[in-house]
Amino acid sequence: MSESRTEPERSAAPRPPSTGWLASRPGVTDLLVALAYALPAFAVVLVVAFGDHDAIQFAFTSCAVAASGLALLFRRRAPVLVFVLTTAVMLATFWTPGSIGVIAVGCALYAVTVYRSVRGAVIGWGVVGVLLVVEGALLPQSVASVGESVQAIVVLVVAVLVGLSVRSSRHFAAVQLAQLAREREQDVAAAAAAERTSIAREMHDIVSHSLSVMISLAHGSAEIAAKEPDRAVEGMREVARTGRGALGDMRRMLGVLRDAPDGRPADGATSTPGIEDLPALLERFRATGLPVNMRSNGDAPPDAVMQLTVYRIVQESLTNALKYARGATRVAVTITFTPDLVTVIVDDDGIADETAVDDLGRGLVGIGERVALYSGRVTAGPRDGGGWAVHAQLIPQVAA
């Protein structure tokens, strides 16, 4: 006896990293950085100038601060050029009291690290460090000047390290976003594949059932046409009714695929078949001569997908019985509804056609896919004492 059992699997996609208001406005960020450097620098220049009463020094350092501040506006677009300009300004004003040009260079080194390359930032830091030490050693009061040079070098090291941390964080965020994009593409592909499978399953159920019933009715009508023309005519009318029913099912399926924009079913779409449609289904099979009866226990759940699943299981099982259960004198459908389990059993006492194994396997796969929506199981195979049985169980609470 073959068995098909599956359980739904769900995976959580990573959430994209959040971005703040400033992160989405780089121009505003650059302006704030430039102001954060220039305003305190001008304040220091003013304090030193009023203390020394040196107008030339005030004018020179003010121009230097303005140049560095303007350069920082372009730290994102041309970080290397900004680094060169701010370094030149810092070296030119390093001898002046209260010079904070090293802060501008630190901002530029940070930009080089984040927006260009870590290697370039390290090389730039090394060059500036050597120049600061040399300049500090050559200036008057060399001991104090060398100490200031060392402090400046430490500040620049911190700037590079902060830039390296930010660069690593952005790289990680980019990797996460790329992974999220890949997973979304995979989800879309999986959804499309599932939709194709669902459509193929519905097509198989509709076409296989309808054609089997219509062929059986047509053959029967042809055989009795000469002796019982009235029954033959009624048989052909049943063929027409079955065809119209199949056409309605096809329209319903296509209507679901092209629902109206407001979510309403498109024109021509009909409701999905459910438990209440099973008596009419059995009547169509009885019209072909299949001796089928049904017993139902319990109340059917309101879940439309569950009812459609039960309907299709019965339809597929009866279609196989009609096609392959030779000499069947009894085909029984038993459906049991409980709050925790829905059981569907379809069995017959016919002789299974040995050539039907492959086709039955395909039908079992379709039933198994439907049952999988409810983490259920389905088995199918020969019965003890002859005949064939399909046994499906569905768990309503875990509908996928």
Protein backbone atom coordinates (compact mmCIF):
# COMPACT_ATOMS: atom_id res chain seq x y z
CA MET A 1 0.00 0.00 0.00
CA SER A 2 1.39 3.34 -1.00
CA GLU A 3 1.43 6.33 1.33
CA SER A 4 1.90 10.05 0.87
CA ARG A 5 2.54 12.23 3.93
CA THR A 6 3.84 15.74 4.08
CA GLU A 7 3.92 18.59 6.56
CA PRO A 8 4.14 22.29 5.77
CA GLU A 9 7.46 24.00 6.30
CA ARG A 10 7.88 27.69 6.94
CA SER A 11 11.00 29.79 7.07
CA ALA A 12 11.35 33.35 8.25
CA ALA A 13 13.12 35.72 5.90
CA PRO A 14 15.54 38.19 7.48
CA ARG A 15 14.22 41.67 7.98
CA PRO A 16 16.03 44.49 6.16
CA PRO A 17 18.10 46.83 8.30
CA SER A 18 16.30 50.05 9.16
CA THR A 19 17.54 53.40 7.86
CA GLY A 20 17.09 56.70 9.65
CA TRP A 21 16.06 60.07 8.33
CA LEU A 22 19.66 61.29 7.97
CA ALA A 23 20.78 58.08 6.27
CA SER A 24 18.40 58.80 3.41
CA ARG A 25 19.65 62.41 3.07
CA PRO A 26 23.45 62.32 2.62
CA GLY A 27 23.65 65.99 1.62
CA VAL A 28 22.12 67.07 4.93
CA THR A 29 24.50 64.78 6.81
CA ASP A 30 27.55 66.28 5.06
CA LEU A 31 26.33 69.81 5.85
CA LEU A 32 25.89 68.95 9.53
CA VAL A 33 29.39 67.42 9.67
CA ALA A 34 30.88 70.54 8.09
CA LEU A 35 29.03 72.80 10.54
CA ALA A 36 29.94 70.60 13.49
CA TYR A 37 33.60 71.16 12.61
CA ALA A 38 33.50 74.79 11.45
CA LEU A 39 31.45 76.40 14.24
CA PRO A 40 33.59 75.17 17.18
CA ALA A 41 36.74 75.85 15.14
CA PHE A 42 35.69 79.47 14.55
CA ALA A 43 34.95 79.80 18.26
CA VAL A 44 38.46 78.62 19.13
CA VAL A 45 39.97 80.96 16.54
CA LEU A 46 38.06 83.92 18.02
CA VAL A 47 39.17 83.14 21.57
CA VAL A 48 42.82 82.79 20.56
CA ALA A 49 42.74 85.91 18.35
CA PHE A 50 41.25 88.13 21.06
CA GLY A 51 43.83 86.87 23.52
CA ASP A 52 46.82 87.45 21.24
CA HIS A 53 45.45 90.54 19.46
CA ASP A 54 46.87 89.18 16.20
CA ALA A 55 44.63 90.20 13.29
CA ILE A 56 46.78 88.48 10.67
CA GLN A 57 46.69 85.18 12.52
CA PHE A 58 42.91 85.53 12.97
CA ALA A 59 42.37 86.14 9.26
CA PHE A 60 44.66 83.27 8.23
CA THR A 61 43.16 80.67 10.57
CA SER A 62 39.63 81.82 9.77
CA CYS A 63 40.26 81.23 6.06
CA ALA A 64 41.80 77.84 6.90
CA VAL A 65 38.74 76.80 8.93
CA ALA A 66 36.41 77.98 6.15
CA ALA A 67 38.39 76.05 3.53
CA SER A 68 38.31 72.83 5.58
CA GLY A 69 34.61 73.24 6.32
CA LEU A 70 33.76 73.74 2.65
CA ALA A 71 35.91 70.76 1.70
CA LEU A 72 34.02 68.51 4.15
CA LEU A 73 30.83 69.17 2.19
CA PHE A 74 32.32 66.94 -0.53
CA ARG A 75 33.76 64.23 1.76
CA ARG A 76 31.36 61.62 0.37
CA ARG A 77 31.83 62.40 -3.34
CA ALA A 78 35.60 63.05 -3.35
CA PRO A 79 37.01 61.74 -0.05
CA VAL A 80 40.62 61.48 -1.25
CA LEU A 81 40.67 65.07 -2.54
CA VAL A 82 39.07 66.31 0.68
CA PHE A 83 41.68 64.42 2.68
CA VAL A 84 44.52 66.03 0.72
CA LEU A 85 43.04 69.55 1.13
CA THR A 86 42.33 69.21 4.85
CA THR A 87 45.79 67.73 5.43
CA ALA A 88 47.42 70.69 3.67
CA VAL A 89 45.36 73.14 5.75
CA MET A 90 46.23 71.31 8.96
CA LEU A 91 49.96 71.32 8.21
CA ALA A 92 49.82 75.01 7.28
CA THR A 93 48.11 75.96 10.55
CA PHE A 94 49.65 73.42 12.91
CA TRP A 95 52.00 76.05 14.32
CA THR A 96 49.14 78.39 15.24
CA PRO A 97 47.81 78.26 18.82
CA GLY A 98 44.49 76.47 19.18
CA SER A 99 44.56 74.91 15.72
CA ILE A 100 41.99 72.11 15.38
CA GLY A 101 42.67 71.24 11.75
CA VAL A 102 43.34 67.66 12.83
CA ILE A 103 39.58 67.24 13.40
CA ALA A 104 38.89 68.03 9.74
CA VAL A 105 41.56 65.55 8.67
CA GLY A 106 39.98 62.94 10.94
CA CYS A 107 36.62 63.47 9.23
CA ALA A 108 38.28 63.14 5.84
CA LEU A 109 40.13 59.94 6.86
CA TYR A 110 36.84 58.51 8.11
CA ALA A 111 35.29 59.26 4.70
CA VAL A 112 38.21 57.61 2.87
CA THR A 113 37.82 54.50 5.04
CA VAL A 114 34.07 54.22 4.51
CA TYR A 115 33.66 55.36 0.90
CA ARG A 116 36.95 54.38 -0.74
CA SER A 117 39.24 51.78 0.82
CA VAL A 118 40.72 50.81 4.16
CA ARG A 119 44.13 50.42 2.56
CA GLY A 120 44.04 53.98 1.23
CA ALA A 121 43.03 55.31 4.65
CA VAL A 122 45.88 53.47 6.39
CA ILE A 123 48.40 54.77 3.85
CA GLY A 124 47.02 58.29 4.25
CA TRP A 125 47.23 58.03 8.04
CA GLY A 126 50.86 56.87 7.80
CA VAL A 127 51.84 59.75 5.51
CA VAL A 128 50.14 62.34 7.71
CA GLY A 129 51.72 60.83 10.81
CA VAL A 130 55.21 61.14 9.36
CA LEU A 131 54.57 64.71 8.23
CA LEU A 132 53.24 65.69 11.66
CA VAL A 133 56.22 64.22 13.46
CA VAL A 134 58.66 65.90 11.09
CA GLU A 135 56.88 69.24 11.30
CA GLY A 136 56.62 68.99 15.08
CA ALA A 137 60.32 68.30 15.37
CA LEU A 138 61.26 71.24 13.16
CA LEU A 139 59.04 73.83 14.84
CA PRO A 140 60.16 75.90 17.84
CA GLN A 141 59.49 74.32 21.23
CA SER A 142 59.94 70.96 19.58
CA VAL A 143 59.16 68.82 22.63
CA ALA A 144 55.67 70.31 22.99
CA SER A 145 55.16 70.21 19.22
CA VAL A 146 56.08 66.51 19.02
CA GLY A 147 53.59 65.80 21.81
CA GLU A 148 50.85 67.57 19.90
CA SER A 149 51.82 65.59 16.81
CA VAL A 150 51.44 62.33 18.71
CA GLN A 151 48.03 63.43 19.98
CA ALA A 152 46.98 64.27 16.44
CA ILE A 153 48.14 60.86 15.22
CA VAL A 154 46.09 59.15 17.93
CA VAL A 155 43.01 61.18 16.93
CA LEU A 156 43.48 60.09 13.32
CA VAL A 157 43.84 56.44 14.38
CA VAL A 158 40.49 56.70 16.16
CA ALA A 159 38.94 58.20 13.01
CA VAL A 160 40.18 55.29 10.88
CA LEU A 161 38.95 52.71 13.41
CA VAL A 162 35.50 54.30 13.57
CA GLY A 163 35.36 54.35 9.78
CA LEU A 164 36.39 50.69 9.66
CA SER A 165 33.59 49.80 12.09
CA VAL A 166 31.00 51.69 10.04
CA ARG A 167 32.27 50.12 6.81
CA SER A 168 31.97 46.63 8.32
CA SER A 169 28.44 47.36 9.53
CA ARG A 170 27.42 48.59 6.08
CA HIS A 171 28.95 45.56 4.43
CA PHE A 172 27.01 43.30 6.79
CA ALA A 173 23.83 45.24 6.06
CA ALA A 174 24.47 44.92 2.31
CA VAL A 175 24.95 41.16 2.69
CA GLN A 176 21.70 40.94 4.63
CA LEU A 177 19.84 42.93 1.99
CA ALA A 178 21.28 40.74 -0.77
CA GLN A 179 20.22 37.64 1.14
CA LEU A 180 16.76 39.12 1.65
CA ALA A 181 16.49 39.86 -2.08
CA ARG A 182 17.53 36.29 -2.94
CA GLU A 183 15.04 34.83 -0.50
CA ARG A 184 12.29 37.04 -1.88
CA GLU A 185 13.10 35.85 -5.39
CA GLN A 186 13.03 32.26 -4.15
CA ASP A 187 9.70 32.88 -2.41
CA VAL A 188 8.25 34.33 -5.62
CA ALA A 189 9.53 31.36 -7.62
CA ALA A 190 8.17 28.91 -5.04
CA ALA A 191 4.80 30.68 -5.02
CA ALA A 192 4.67 30.55 -8.82
CA ALA A 193 5.55 26.85 -8.78
CA ALA A 194 2.91 26.17 -6.13
CA GLU A 195 0.34 28.06 -8.20
CA ARG A 196 1.24 26.05 -11.30
CA THR A 197 0.94 22.84 -9.29
CA SER A 198 -2.43 23.92 -7.92
CA ILE A 199 -3.73 24.76 -11.39
CA ALA A 200 -2.43 21.47 -12.80
CA ARG A 201 -4.06 19.58 -9.92
CA GLU A 202 -7.41 21.28 -10.50
CA MET A 203 -7.16 20.69 -14.25
CA HIS A 204 -6.44 17.01 -13.68
CA ASP A 205 -9.36 16.60 -11.30
CA ILE A 206 -11.84 18.43 -13.52
CA VAL A 207 -10.79 16.99 -16.88
CA SER A 208 -10.10 13.43 -15.72
CA HIS A 209 -13.37 13.14 -13.83
CA SER A 210 -15.55 14.78 -16.47
CA LEU A 211 -14.09 12.92 -19.42
CA SER A 212 -14.28 9.58 -17.63
CA VAL A 213 -17.95 10.11 -16.81
CA MET A 214 -18.77 11.41 -20.29
CA ILE A 215 -16.96 8.52 -22.03
CA SER A 216 -18.69 5.95 -19.83
CA LEU A 217 -22.09 7.55 -20.44
CA ALA A 218 -21.49 7.79 -24.17
CA HIS A 219 -20.47 4.13 -24.42
CA GLY A 220 -23.47 3.04 -22.39
CA SER A 221 -25.85 5.16 -24.45
CA ALA A 222 -24.44 3.78 -27.69
CA GLU A 223 -24.91 0.19 -26.54
CA ILE A 224 -28.57 0.64 -25.58
CA ALA A 225 -29.55 3.12 -28.29
CA ALA A 226 -31.24 0.50 -30.48
CA LYS A 227 -33.17 -1.28 -27.71
CA GLU A 228 -33.80 1.55 -25.23
CA PRO A 229 -33.66 4.84 -27.12
CA ASP A 230 -35.24 6.79 -24.27
CA ARG A 231 -32.51 5.72 -21.83
CA ALA A 232 -29.88 6.45 -24.46
CA VAL A 233 -31.25 9.96 -24.92
CA GLU A 234 -31.22 10.50 -21.15
CA GLY A 235 -27.64 9.23 -21.06
CA MET A 236 -26.58 11.75 -23.68
CA ARG A 237 -28.36 14.49 -21.76
CA GLU A 238 -26.30 13.48 -18.74
CA VAL A 239 -23.20 13.74 -20.94
CA ALA A 240 -24.21 17.31 -21.75
CA ARG A 241 -24.87 18.10 -18.08
CA THR A 242 -21.48 16.70 -17.12
CA GLY A 243 -19.80 18.76 -19.82
CA ARG A 244 -21.55 21.91 -18.66
CA GLY A 245 -20.49 21.16 -15.09
CA ALA A 246 -16.88 20.76 -16.19
CA LEU A 247 -17.11 24.01 -18.13
CA GLY A 248 -18.46 25.73 -15.02
CA ASP A 249 -15.56 24.36 -12.97
CA MET A 250 -13.10 25.62 -15.56
CA ARG A 251 -14.70 29.06 -15.50
CA ARG A 252 -14.51 29.09 -11.71
CA MET A 253 -10.84 28.22 -11.76
CA LEU A 254 -10.05 30.85 -14.38
CA GLY A 255 -12.17 33.37 -12.48
CA VAL A 256 -10.00 32.85 -9.39
CA LEU A 257 -6.91 33.52 -11.50
CA ARG A 258 -8.32 36.82 -12.77
CA ASP A 259 -10.18 38.21 -9.78
CA ALA A 260 -11.39 41.79 -10.11
CA PRO A 261 -9.12 44.55 -8.70
CA ASP A 262 -11.36 45.04 -5.65
CA GLY A 263 -10.99 41.37 -4.71
CA ARG A 264 -14.42 40.24 -5.99
CA PRO A 265 -14.51 37.18 -8.25
CA ALA A 266 -14.46 38.01 -11.93
CA ASP A 267 -17.61 37.68 -14.00
CA GLY A 268 -18.37 34.08 -14.82
CA ALA A 269 -16.64 32.66 -11.74
CA THR A 270 -18.75 30.18 -9.77
CA SER A 271 -18.42 29.03 -6.18
CA THR A 272 -16.08 26.16 -5.36
CA PRO A 273 -17.71 22.75 -4.84
CA GLY A 274 -18.08 21.53 -1.27
CA ILE A 275 -19.70 18.87 0.89
CA GLU A 276 -23.22 19.88 -0.16
CA ASP A 277 -22.30 19.13 -3.78
CA LEU A 278 -21.31 15.51 -3.08
CA PRO A 279 -24.84 14.06 -3.60
CA ALA A 280 -24.97 15.55 -7.10
CA LEU A 281 -21.48 14.18 -7.78
CA LEU A 282 -22.57 10.69 -6.71
CA GLU A 283 -25.67 10.91 -8.92
CA ARG A 284 -23.48 11.54 -11.96
CA PHE A 285 -21.45 8.44 -11.16
CA ARG A 286 -24.60 6.39 -10.56
CA ALA A 287 -25.80 7.48 -14.00
CA THR A 288 -22.76 5.73 -15.47
CA GLY A 289 -23.70 2.50 -13.69
CA LEU A 290 -21.24 2.79 -10.80
CA PRO A 291 -22.97 1.39 -7.67
CA VAL A 292 -21.85 4.08 -5.24
CA ASN A 293 -23.33 5.08 -1.90
CA MET A 294 -22.20 7.52 0.77
CA ARG A 295 -22.38 7.78 4.53
CA SER A 296 -21.43 10.97 6.38
CA ASN A 297 -20.96 11.34 10.13
CA GLY A 298 -20.64 14.64 11.99
CA ASP A 299 -20.89 18.24 10.85
CA ALA A 300 -18.73 19.51 8.01
CA PRO A 301 -16.40 22.41 8.92
CA PRO A 302 -17.14 25.81 7.33
CA ASP A 303 -13.63 25.93 5.82
CA ALA A 304 -14.21 26.15 2.04
CA VAL A 305 -10.73 24.82 1.21
CA MET A 306 -11.26 21.85 3.51
CA GLN A 307 -14.60 21.09 1.85
CA LEU A 308 -13.06 21.40 -1.62
CA THR A 309 -10.28 19.02 -0.55
CA VAL A 310 -12.79 16.41 0.63
CA TYR A 311 -14.81 16.87 -2.57
CA ARG A 312 -11.75 16.36 -4.78
CA ILE A 313 -10.61 13.30 -2.83
CA VAL A 314 -14.00 11.68 -3.33
CA GLN A 315 -14.14 12.78 -6.98
CA GLU A 316 -10.68 11.41 -7.82
CA SER A 317 -11.30 8.14 -5.98
CA LEU A 318 -14.64 7.55 -7.71
CA THR A 319 -13.14 8.46 -11.08
CA ASN A 320 -10.45 5.81 -10.58
CA ALA A 321 -13.09 3.30 -9.48
CA LEU A 322 -15.13 4.04 -12.61
CA LYS A 323 -12.10 3.62 -14.87
CA TYR A 324 -10.31 0.68 -13.27
CA ALA A 325 -12.54 -1.24 -10.80
CA ARG A 326 -13.85 -3.94 -13.13
CA GLY A 327 -16.96 -5.75 -12.00
CA ALA A 328 -17.47 -3.64 -8.90
CA THR A 329 -20.79 -4.31 -7.18
CA ARG A 330 -20.23 -1.85 -4.35
CA VAL A 331 -18.40 1.44 -4.01
CA ALA A 332 -18.66 3.01 -0.56
CA VAL A 333 -17.81 6.57 0.45
CA THR A 334 -17.50 7.17 4.19
CA ILE A 335 -16.79 10.65 5.55
CA THR A 336 -16.34 11.32 9.27
CA PHE A 337 -16.10 14.85 10.65
CA THR A 338 -14.77 15.54 14.14
CA PRO A 339 -13.32 18.77 15.57
CA ASP A 340 -9.81 17.30 15.43
CA LEU A 341 -9.87 15.05 12.37
CA VAL A 342 -11.62 14.59 9.05
CA THR A 343 -11.50 11.08 7.60
CA VAL A 344 -12.42 10.12 4.04
CA ILE A 345 -12.58 6.46 2.98
CA VAL A 346 -13.51 5.32 -0.53
CA ASP A 347 -13.39 1.58 -1.16
CA ASP A 348 -14.77 -0.85 -3.73
CA ASP A 349 -14.95 -4.60 -4.31
CA GLY A 350 -13.92 -4.54 -7.96
CA ILE A 351 -10.91 -6.08 -9.65
CA ALA A 352 -8.18 -3.49 -10.14
CA ASP A 353 -6.84 -3.11 -13.68
CA GLU A 354 -3.11 -3.97 -13.62
CA THR A 355 -2.42 -1.30 -16.23
CA ALA A 356 -3.82 1.39 -13.94
CA VAL A 357 -0.93 1.49 -11.46
CA ASP A 358 0.84 4.50 -13.02
CA ASP A 359 -2.35 6.52 -13.41
CA LEU A 360 -3.45 5.70 -9.86
CA GLY A 361 -0.04 6.85 -8.65
CA ARG A 362 -0.48 10.23 -10.34
CA GLY A 363 -3.93 10.59 -8.79
CA LEU A 364 -2.56 9.69 -5.36
CA VAL A 365 0.07 12.40 -5.71
CA GLY A 366 -2.65 14.96 -6.41
CA ILE A 367 -4.65 13.82 -3.40
CA GLY A 368 -1.50 13.87 -1.26
CA GLU A 369 -0.78 17.46 -2.26
CA ARG A 370 -4.26 18.50 -1.14
CA VAL A 371 -4.03 16.57 2.11
CA ALA A 372 -0.64 18.18 2.80
CA LEU A 373 -2.40 21.52 3.25
CA TYR A 374 -3.79 20.05 6.46
CA SER A 375 -0.71 18.09 7.59
CA GLY A 376 -2.62 14.91 6.92
CA ARG A 377 -1.85 11.56 5.37
CA VAL A 378 -3.34 9.45 2.61
CA THR A 379 -2.94 5.76 1.82
CA ALA A 380 -4.20 3.78 -1.14
CA GLY A 381 -3.94 0.14 -2.09
CA PRO A 382 -5.66 -3.25 -2.41
CA ARG A 383 -8.18 -4.27 0.24
CA ASP A 384 -8.12 -7.57 2.08
CA GLY A 385 -10.56 -9.77 0.25
CA GLY A 386 -10.32 -7.84 -3.00
CA GLY A 387 -11.01 -4.37 -4.22
CA TRP A 388 -9.27 -1.06 -3.67
CA ALA A 389 -9.38 1.51 -0.87
CA VAL A 390 -8.33 5.12 -0.44
CA HIS A 391 -7.99 6.36 3.15
CA ALA A 392 -7.29 10.07 3.78
CA GLN A 393 -7.03 11.94 7.07
CA LEU A 394 -6.92 15.73 7.47
CA ILE A 395 -6.30 17.88 10.56
CA PRO A 396 -8.40 21.06 10.36
CA GLN A 397 -6.54 23.06 13.02
CA VAL A 398 -3.25 23.08 11.11
CA ALA A 399 -4.47 24.22 7.72
CA ALA A 400 -1.53 25.78 5.85
